[in-house]
Amino acid sequence: QVQLAESGGGLVQPGGSLRLSCVASGIDFSANGMGWYRTATAPGNQRRWVASITTGGTAKVDDSVKGRFTISRDNAKNTVYLQMHHLRPEDTAAYYCNVQGKDFEAGYWGPGTQVTVSS
């Protein structure tokens, strides 16, 4: 069964950078697309898609982070990354990765990693 472990979050000033990592186990990592999602802190906010990367390395990001966030993957390490630059207060959220492929398990999410952008 899939296990996902996100890390790399923290407190950063506006304009700063962070790199998030997500290590996946229990899946055939190289055979699955991967994605990043986030849930803003305010109550009632839903988890929203941020970025995706296919098995072949084709990346897409949401318009709200285009030009600032980059998704990448290292199949040898079973890891997907989210490089975030020019962070804004509205990027404050809990960030999660998940599988986008044959090994996706409905209802499963890892613990996430918190990103707080504040001066």
C-alpha atoms as a PDB file:
ATOM      1  CA  GLN A   1       0.000   0.000   0.000  1.00  0.00           C
ATOM      2  CA  VAL A   2       1.111   3.520  -0.710  1.00  0.00           C
ATOM      3  CA  GLN A   3       2.955   5.572   1.888  1.00  0.00           C
ATOM      4  CA  LEU A   4       3.788   9.226   1.279  1.00  0.00           C
ATOM      5  CA  ALA A   5       6.054  11.388   3.417  1.00  0.00           C
ATOM      6  CA  GLU A   6       6.254  15.095   2.713  1.00  0.00           C
ATOM      7  CA  SER A   7       8.947  17.347   4.157  1.00  0.00           C
ATOM      8  CA  GLY A   8      10.674  20.672   3.660  1.00  0.00           C
ATOM      9  CA  GLY A   9       8.030  23.086   4.844  1.00  0.00           C
ATOM     10  CA  GLY A  10       8.626  25.899   7.272  1.00  0.00           C
ATOM     11  CA  LEU A  11       8.301  29.590   7.969  1.00  0.00           C
ATOM     12  CA  VAL A  12       9.646  31.876   5.247  1.00  0.00           C
ATOM     13  CA  GLN A  13       9.424  35.583   4.533  1.00  0.00           C
ATOM     14  CA  PRO A  14       7.559  36.862   1.479  1.00  0.00           C
ATOM     15  CA  GLY A  15       9.802  36.565  -1.556  1.00  0.00           C
ATOM     16  CA  GLY A  16      11.645  33.607  -0.095  1.00  0.00           C
ATOM     17  CA  SER A  17      12.092  30.072  -1.361  1.00  0.00           C
ATOM     18  CA  LEU A  18      11.535  26.541  -0.140  1.00  0.00           C
ATOM     19  CA  ARG A  19      11.912  23.094  -1.649  1.00  0.00           C
ATOM     20  CA  LEU A  20       9.431  20.455  -0.629  1.00  0.00           C
ATOM     21  CA  SER A  21      10.140  16.753  -0.952  1.00  0.00           C
ATOM     22  CA  CYS A  22       7.828  13.771  -0.996  1.00  0.00           C
ATOM     23  CA  VAL A  23       9.130  10.237  -0.679  1.00  0.00           C
ATOM     24  CA  ALA A  24       6.754   7.533  -1.885  1.00  0.00           C
ATOM     25  CA  SER A  25       6.869   3.864  -0.953  1.00  0.00           C
ATOM     26  CA  GLY A  26       4.667   0.879  -1.640  1.00  0.00           C
ATOM     27  CA  ILE A  27       4.199   1.828  -5.286  1.00  0.00           C
ATOM     28  CA  ASP A  28       5.960   1.443  -8.593  1.00  0.00           C
ATOM     29  CA  PHE A  29       7.088   5.064  -8.464  1.00  0.00           C
ATOM     30  CA  SER A  30       8.453   5.403 -11.982  1.00  0.00           C
ATOM     31  CA  ALA A  31       5.201   4.059 -13.427  1.00  0.00           C
ATOM     32  CA  ASN A  32       3.017   6.721 -11.828  1.00  0.00           C
ATOM     33  CA  GLY A  33       2.470  10.401 -12.323  1.00  0.00           C
ATOM     34  CA  MET A  34       2.741  12.466  -9.158  1.00  0.00           C
ATOM     35  CA  GLY A  35       1.119  15.665  -7.992  1.00  0.00           C
ATOM     36  CA  TRP A  36       1.280  18.342  -5.330  1.00  0.00           C
ATOM     37  CA  TYR A  37      -1.773  19.824  -3.655  1.00  0.00           C
ATOM     38  CA  ARG A  38      -2.349  22.351  -0.903  1.00  0.00           C
ATOM     39  CA  THR A  39      -4.951  23.260   1.673  1.00  0.00           C
ATOM     40  CA  ALA A  40      -4.976  26.825   2.910  1.00  0.00           C
ATOM     41  CA  THR A  41      -5.156  27.322   6.648  1.00  0.00           C
ATOM     42  CA  ALA A  42      -8.535  29.054   6.919  1.00  0.00           C
ATOM     43  CA  PRO A  43     -11.343  26.732   8.051  1.00  0.00           C
ATOM     44  CA  GLY A  44     -13.420  25.273   5.245  1.00  0.00           C
ATOM     45  CA  ASN A  45     -10.751  25.553   2.604  1.00  0.00           C
ATOM     46  CA  GLN A  46     -10.545  22.614   0.270  1.00  0.00           C
ATOM     47  CA  ARG A  47      -7.442  20.866  -0.951  1.00  0.00           C
ATOM     48  CA  ARG A  48      -6.454  22.286  -4.322  1.00  0.00           C
ATOM     49  CA  TRP A  49      -4.194  20.997  -7.040  1.00  0.00           C
ATOM     50  CA  VAL A  50      -0.868  22.814  -7.460  1.00  0.00           C
ATOM     51  CA  ALA A  51       1.304  20.847  -9.864  1.00  0.00           C
ATOM     52  CA  SER A  52       1.690  17.517 -11.656  1.00  0.00           C
ATOM     53  CA  ILE A  53       4.446  15.585 -13.332  1.00  0.00           C
ATOM     54  CA  THR A  54       3.972  12.619 -15.633  1.00  0.00           C
ATOM     55  CA  THR A  55       6.037   9.446 -15.769  1.00  0.00           C
ATOM     56  CA  GLY A  56       7.918  10.994 -18.666  1.00  0.00           C
ATOM     57  CA  GLY A  57       8.689  14.179 -16.772  1.00  0.00           C
ATOM     58  CA  THR A  58       6.133  16.483 -18.377  1.00  0.00           C
ATOM     59  CA  ALA A  59       5.168  19.094 -15.798  1.00  0.00           C
ATOM     60  CA  LYS A  60       2.134  21.296 -15.332  1.00  0.00           C
ATOM     61  CA  VAL A  61       1.435  23.881 -12.655  1.00  0.00           C
ATOM     62  CA  ASP A  62      -1.604  25.858 -11.664  1.00  0.00           C
ATOM     63  CA  ASP A  63      -1.798  29.396 -13.015  1.00  0.00           C
ATOM     64  CA  SER A  64      -1.542  30.789  -9.482  1.00  0.00           C
ATOM     65  CA  VAL A  65       2.009  29.481  -9.133  1.00  0.00           C
ATOM     66  CA  LYS A  66       3.173  29.555 -12.738  1.00  0.00           C
ATOM     67  CA  GLY A  67       6.639  31.039 -13.052  1.00  0.00           C
ATOM     68  CA  ARG A  68       7.279  30.602  -9.326  1.00  0.00           C
ATOM     69  CA  PHE A  69       6.901  26.864  -8.576  1.00  0.00           C
ATOM     70  CA  THR A  70       8.569  23.949 -10.353  1.00  0.00           C
ATOM     71  CA  ILE A  71       7.787  20.264  -9.936  1.00  0.00           C
ATOM     72  CA  SER A  72      10.406  17.605 -10.591  1.00  0.00           C
ATOM     73  CA  ARG A  73      11.036  13.964  -9.781  1.00  0.00           C
ATOM     74  CA  ASP A  74      13.915  11.597  -9.065  1.00  0.00           C
ATOM     75  CA  ASN A  75      12.840   8.052  -9.818  1.00  0.00           C
ATOM     76  CA  ALA A  76      16.009   6.602  -8.284  1.00  0.00           C
ATOM     77  CA  LYS A  77      14.978   8.123  -4.953  1.00  0.00           C
ATOM     78  CA  ASN A  78      11.209   7.615  -5.300  1.00  0.00           C
ATOM     79  CA  THR A  79      10.912  11.324  -4.636  1.00  0.00           C
ATOM     80  CA  VAL A  80       8.949  14.191  -6.122  1.00  0.00           C
ATOM     81  CA  TYR A  81       9.950  17.783  -5.403  1.00  0.00           C
ATOM     82  CA  LEU A  82       8.243  21.141  -5.417  1.00  0.00           C
ATOM     83  CA  GLN A  83      10.652  24.059  -5.729  1.00  0.00           C
ATOM     84  CA  MET A  84       8.951  27.263  -4.657  1.00  0.00           C
ATOM     85  CA  HIS A  85      10.341  30.731  -5.306  1.00  0.00           C
ATOM     86  CA  HIS A  86       8.957  34.228  -4.761  1.00  0.00           C
ATOM     87  CA  LEU A  87       6.641  32.944  -2.071  1.00  0.00           C
ATOM     88  CA  ARG A  88       3.621  35.028  -1.147  1.00  0.00           C
ATOM     89  CA  PRO A  89       1.438  35.067   1.974  1.00  0.00           C
ATOM     90  CA  GLU A  90      -1.345  33.455  -0.052  1.00  0.00           C
ATOM     91  CA  ASP A  91       0.909  30.420  -0.579  1.00  0.00           C
ATOM     92  CA  THR A  92       0.551  29.652   3.125  1.00  0.00           C
ATOM     93  CA  ALA A  93      -0.949  26.174   3.320  1.00  0.00           C
ATOM     94  CA  ALA A  94      -0.381  22.551   4.156  1.00  0.00           C
ATOM     95  CA  TYR A  95       1.193  20.909   1.116  1.00  0.00           C
ATOM     96  CA  TYR A  96       0.570  17.301   0.153  1.00  0.00           C
ATOM     97  CA  CYS A  97       1.751  15.029  -2.608  1.00  0.00           C
ATOM     98  CA  ASN A  98      -0.181  12.158  -4.093  1.00  0.00           C
ATOM     99  CA  VAL A  99      -0.073   9.530  -6.774  1.00  0.00           C
ATOM    100  CA  GLN A 100      -1.646  10.281 -10.138  1.00  0.00           C
ATOM    101  CA  GLY A 101      -1.666   6.884 -11.743  1.00  0.00           C
ATOM    102  CA  LYS A 102      -2.429   3.206 -11.424  1.00  0.00           C
ATOM    103  CA  ASP A 103      -1.278   2.997  -7.792  1.00  0.00           C
ATOM    104  CA  PHE A 104      -3.471   5.840  -6.539  1.00  0.00           C
ATOM    105  CA  GLU A 105      -5.367   4.870  -3.374  1.00  0.00           C
ATOM    106  CA  ALA A 106      -8.620   6.748  -2.930  1.00  0.00           C
ATOM    107  CA  GLY A 107      -8.851   8.492   0.402  1.00  0.00           C
ATOM    108  CA  TYR A 108      -5.181   8.207   1.300  1.00  0.00           C
ATOM    109  CA  TRP A 109      -3.123  11.311   1.987  1.00  0.00           C
ATOM    110  CA  GLY A 110       0.182  11.639   3.735  1.00  0.00           C
ATOM    111  CA  PRO A 111       0.694  13.950   6.729  1.00  0.00           C
ATOM    112  CA  GLY A 112       1.626  16.929   4.562  1.00  0.00           C
ATOM    113  CA  THR A 113       4.109  19.672   5.324  1.00  0.00           C
ATOM    114  CA  GLN A 114       3.173  23.165   6.474  1.00  0.00           C
ATOM    115  CA  VAL A 115       4.398  26.223   4.594  1.00  0.00           C
ATOM    116  CA  THR A 116       3.890  29.597   6.230  1.00  0.00           C
ATOM    117  CA  VAL A 117       4.799  32.772   4.380  1.00  0.00           C
ATOM    118  CA  SER A 118       4.893  35.719   6.730  1.00  0.00           C
ATOM    119  CA  SER A 119       7.076  38.629   7.703  1.00  0.00           C
END
